[in-house]
Amino acid sequence: MTTAELNKIFKSKKQKVDKKTGKITQGFVNATFKDFVKWFDIDVFNQGCHYCGISNDKSYQLYQMQRNGLRPDATRGGKRGKRLELDRKDPYQPYDNLHNVVWCCYWCNNSKSNFFTEGEFRPIAEEIGKALRQIKTEN
């Protein structure tokens, strides 16, 4: 992963406040890009989704299946699912706590939401992983 790609990921995860509604989208507040680069480990990234184990490559293949019409498109217009995403193991902790941040696939990130903790979500993620691998095998 290039520095430019990491920078794009980091910037996309910065905390945002909607000017009209005042709604806050959680993200990095105090963590710097330098902190993020120091945290990033290509070997951990290559292990795949922290929850279900789907690799970044398989995640991209599943994304392509949707974009090509082989499955219903849940990519939010191509904006999600192209690669592993950042998630907080404990949704009560901020993104700035980088020990709490992990890589996960779109399907686990979307399903876990900010509702489940890592431990609560594990059994669900195992089943998501099984289903995703089955879908990938069938197509």
Protein backbone atom coordinates (compact mmCIF):
# COMPACT_ATOMS: atom_id res chain seq x y z
CA MET A 1 0.00 0.00 0.00
CA THR A 2 1.43 3.36 -1.00
CA THR A 3 1.69 6.43 1.21
CA ALA A 4 -0.84 8.14 -1.07
CA GLU A 5 -3.34 5.29 -0.55
CA LEU A 6 -2.83 5.40 3.21
CA ASN A 7 -3.30 9.17 3.17
CA LYS A 8 -6.56 8.78 1.27
CA ILE A 9 -7.81 6.21 3.82
CA PHE A 10 -6.72 8.41 6.73
CA LYS A 11 -8.40 11.51 5.33
CA SER A 12 -11.61 9.62 4.62
CA LYS A 13 -11.74 8.55 8.29
CA LYS A 14 -11.31 12.02 9.80
CA GLN A 15 -14.21 13.10 11.98
CA LYS A 16 -16.78 15.17 10.09
CA VAL A 17 -19.56 17.48 11.20
CA ASP A 18 -22.48 18.09 8.83
CA LYS A 19 -22.80 21.87 8.54
CA LYS A 20 -26.57 21.74 8.10
CA THR A 21 -27.58 19.18 10.71
CA GLY A 22 -24.63 19.26 13.09
CA LYS A 23 -24.49 15.45 12.93
CA ILE A 24 -21.05 14.09 13.79
CA THR A 25 -19.55 11.23 11.79
CA GLN A 26 -17.02 9.59 14.09
CA GLY A 27 -13.40 9.49 12.95
CA PHE A 28 -9.88 10.61 13.74
CA VAL A 29 -9.65 13.83 15.74
CA ASN A 30 -6.25 13.88 17.43
CA ALA A 31 -4.41 11.05 15.65
CA THR A 32 -2.09 12.37 12.96
CA PHE A 33 -1.26 10.85 9.62
CA LYS A 34 2.20 10.11 11.04
CA ASP A 35 0.53 8.15 13.89
CA PHE A 36 -1.58 6.27 11.34
CA VAL A 37 1.45 5.37 9.19
CA LYS A 38 3.29 4.15 12.29
CA TRP A 39 0.23 2.03 13.22
CA PHE A 40 -0.17 0.55 9.73
CA ASP A 41 1.29 -2.94 9.29
CA ILE A 42 1.11 -4.47 5.80
CA ASP A 43 1.24 -8.00 7.26
CA VAL A 44 -1.82 -7.31 9.44
CA PHE A 45 -3.60 -5.75 6.46
CA ASN A 46 -2.79 -8.81 4.33
CA GLN A 47 -4.30 -11.13 6.96
CA GLY A 48 -7.68 -9.82 5.87
CA CYS A 49 -10.79 -8.94 7.81
CA HIS A 50 -10.16 -8.96 11.55
CA TYR A 51 -13.56 -10.56 12.10
CA CYS A 52 -14.26 -13.05 9.28
CA GLY A 53 -10.82 -13.41 7.65
CA ILE A 54 -11.84 -12.47 4.10
CA SER A 55 -8.74 -11.13 2.32
CA ASN A 56 -8.55 -7.73 0.69
CA ASP A 57 -8.33 -9.45 -2.72
CA LYS A 58 -11.44 -11.56 -2.10
CA SER A 59 -13.25 -8.50 -0.80
CA TYR A 60 -12.43 -6.73 -4.06
CA GLN A 61 -13.64 -9.73 -6.09
CA LEU A 62 -16.95 -9.71 -4.20
CA TYR A 63 -17.18 -5.96 -4.82
CA GLN A 64 -16.63 -6.57 -8.56
CA MET A 65 -19.37 -9.23 -8.61
CA GLN A 66 -21.80 -6.60 -7.36
CA ARG A 67 -20.60 -3.86 -9.67
CA ASN A 68 -20.84 -6.25 -12.64
CA GLY A 69 -24.43 -7.25 -11.83
CA LEU A 70 -23.71 -10.80 -10.63
CA ARG A 71 -25.11 -9.94 -7.17
CA PRO A 72 -27.35 -7.13 -5.93
CA ASP A 73 -25.20 -4.03 -5.52
CA ALA A 74 -24.75 -3.05 -1.88
CA THR A 75 -21.62 -0.99 -2.49
CA ARG A 76 -23.40 2.34 -2.04
CA GLY A 77 -22.73 3.36 -5.60
CA GLY A 78 -19.25 1.85 -5.67
CA LYS A 79 -18.11 3.78 -2.60
CA ARG A 80 -17.88 0.80 -0.21
CA GLY A 81 -16.49 -2.71 -0.39
CA LYS A 82 -13.61 -2.11 -2.79
CA ARG A 83 -11.06 -2.77 -0.04
CA LEU A 84 -10.85 -3.51 3.65
CA GLU A 85 -12.12 -0.70 5.87
CA LEU A 86 -11.26 0.60 9.33
CA ASP A 87 -13.40 -0.39 12.29
CA ARG A 88 -13.30 0.14 16.05
CA LYS A 89 -13.34 -3.11 18.00
CA ASP A 90 -15.03 -1.28 20.86
CA PRO A 91 -17.45 1.32 19.46
CA TYR A 92 -17.29 3.27 22.73
CA GLN A 93 -13.61 4.06 22.12
CA PRO A 94 -12.51 6.80 19.69
CA TYR A 95 -10.71 6.16 16.41
CA ASP A 96 -7.77 8.04 17.91
CA ASN A 97 -7.13 4.97 20.08
CA LEU A 98 -5.30 3.12 17.32
CA HIS A 99 -5.02 -0.03 19.47
CA ASN A 100 -8.79 -0.25 19.06
CA VAL A 101 -8.76 0.10 15.24
CA VAL A 102 -8.70 -2.95 12.94
CA TRP A 103 -9.11 -3.74 9.25
CA CYS A 104 -12.37 -5.40 8.31
CA CYS A 105 -14.40 -6.16 5.22
CA TYR A 106 -17.35 -4.03 4.19
CA TRP A 107 -19.84 -6.76 5.09
CA CYS A 108 -18.56 -7.14 8.66
CA ASN A 109 -18.17 -3.39 9.12
CA ASN A 110 -21.69 -2.77 7.89
CA SER A 111 -23.17 -5.58 10.01
CA LYS A 112 -21.25 -4.76 13.18
CA SER A 113 -22.13 -1.09 12.88
CA ASN A 114 -21.55 0.85 16.10
CA PHE A 115 -23.81 -1.55 17.97
CA PHE A 116 -21.68 -4.63 18.69
CA THR A 117 -18.35 -4.93 20.46
CA GLU A 118 -15.70 -7.20 19.00
CA GLY A 119 -16.61 -10.09 21.32
CA GLU A 120 -20.33 -9.80 20.67
CA PHE A 121 -19.78 -9.71 16.93
CA ARG A 122 -17.36 -12.67 16.57
CA PRO A 123 -20.02 -15.43 16.16
CA ILE A 124 -21.86 -13.32 13.60
CA ALA A 125 -18.62 -12.65 11.69
CA GLU A 126 -17.82 -16.36 11.48
CA GLU A 127 -21.13 -16.95 9.70
CA ILE A 128 -20.62 -13.93 7.43
CA GLY A 129 -17.20 -15.31 6.48
CA LYS A 130 -18.67 -18.73 5.67
CA ALA A 131 -21.38 -17.13 3.52
CA LEU A 132 -18.92 -14.87 1.67
CA ARG A 133 -16.56 -17.76 0.93
CA GLN A 134 -19.52 -19.82 -0.34
CA ILE A 135 -20.69 -16.98 -2.60
CA LYS A 136 -17.15 -16.56 -3.93
CA THR A 137 -16.88 -20.32 -4.60
CA GLU A 138 -20.23 -20.45 -6.44
CA ASN A 139 -19.32 -17.57 -8.73
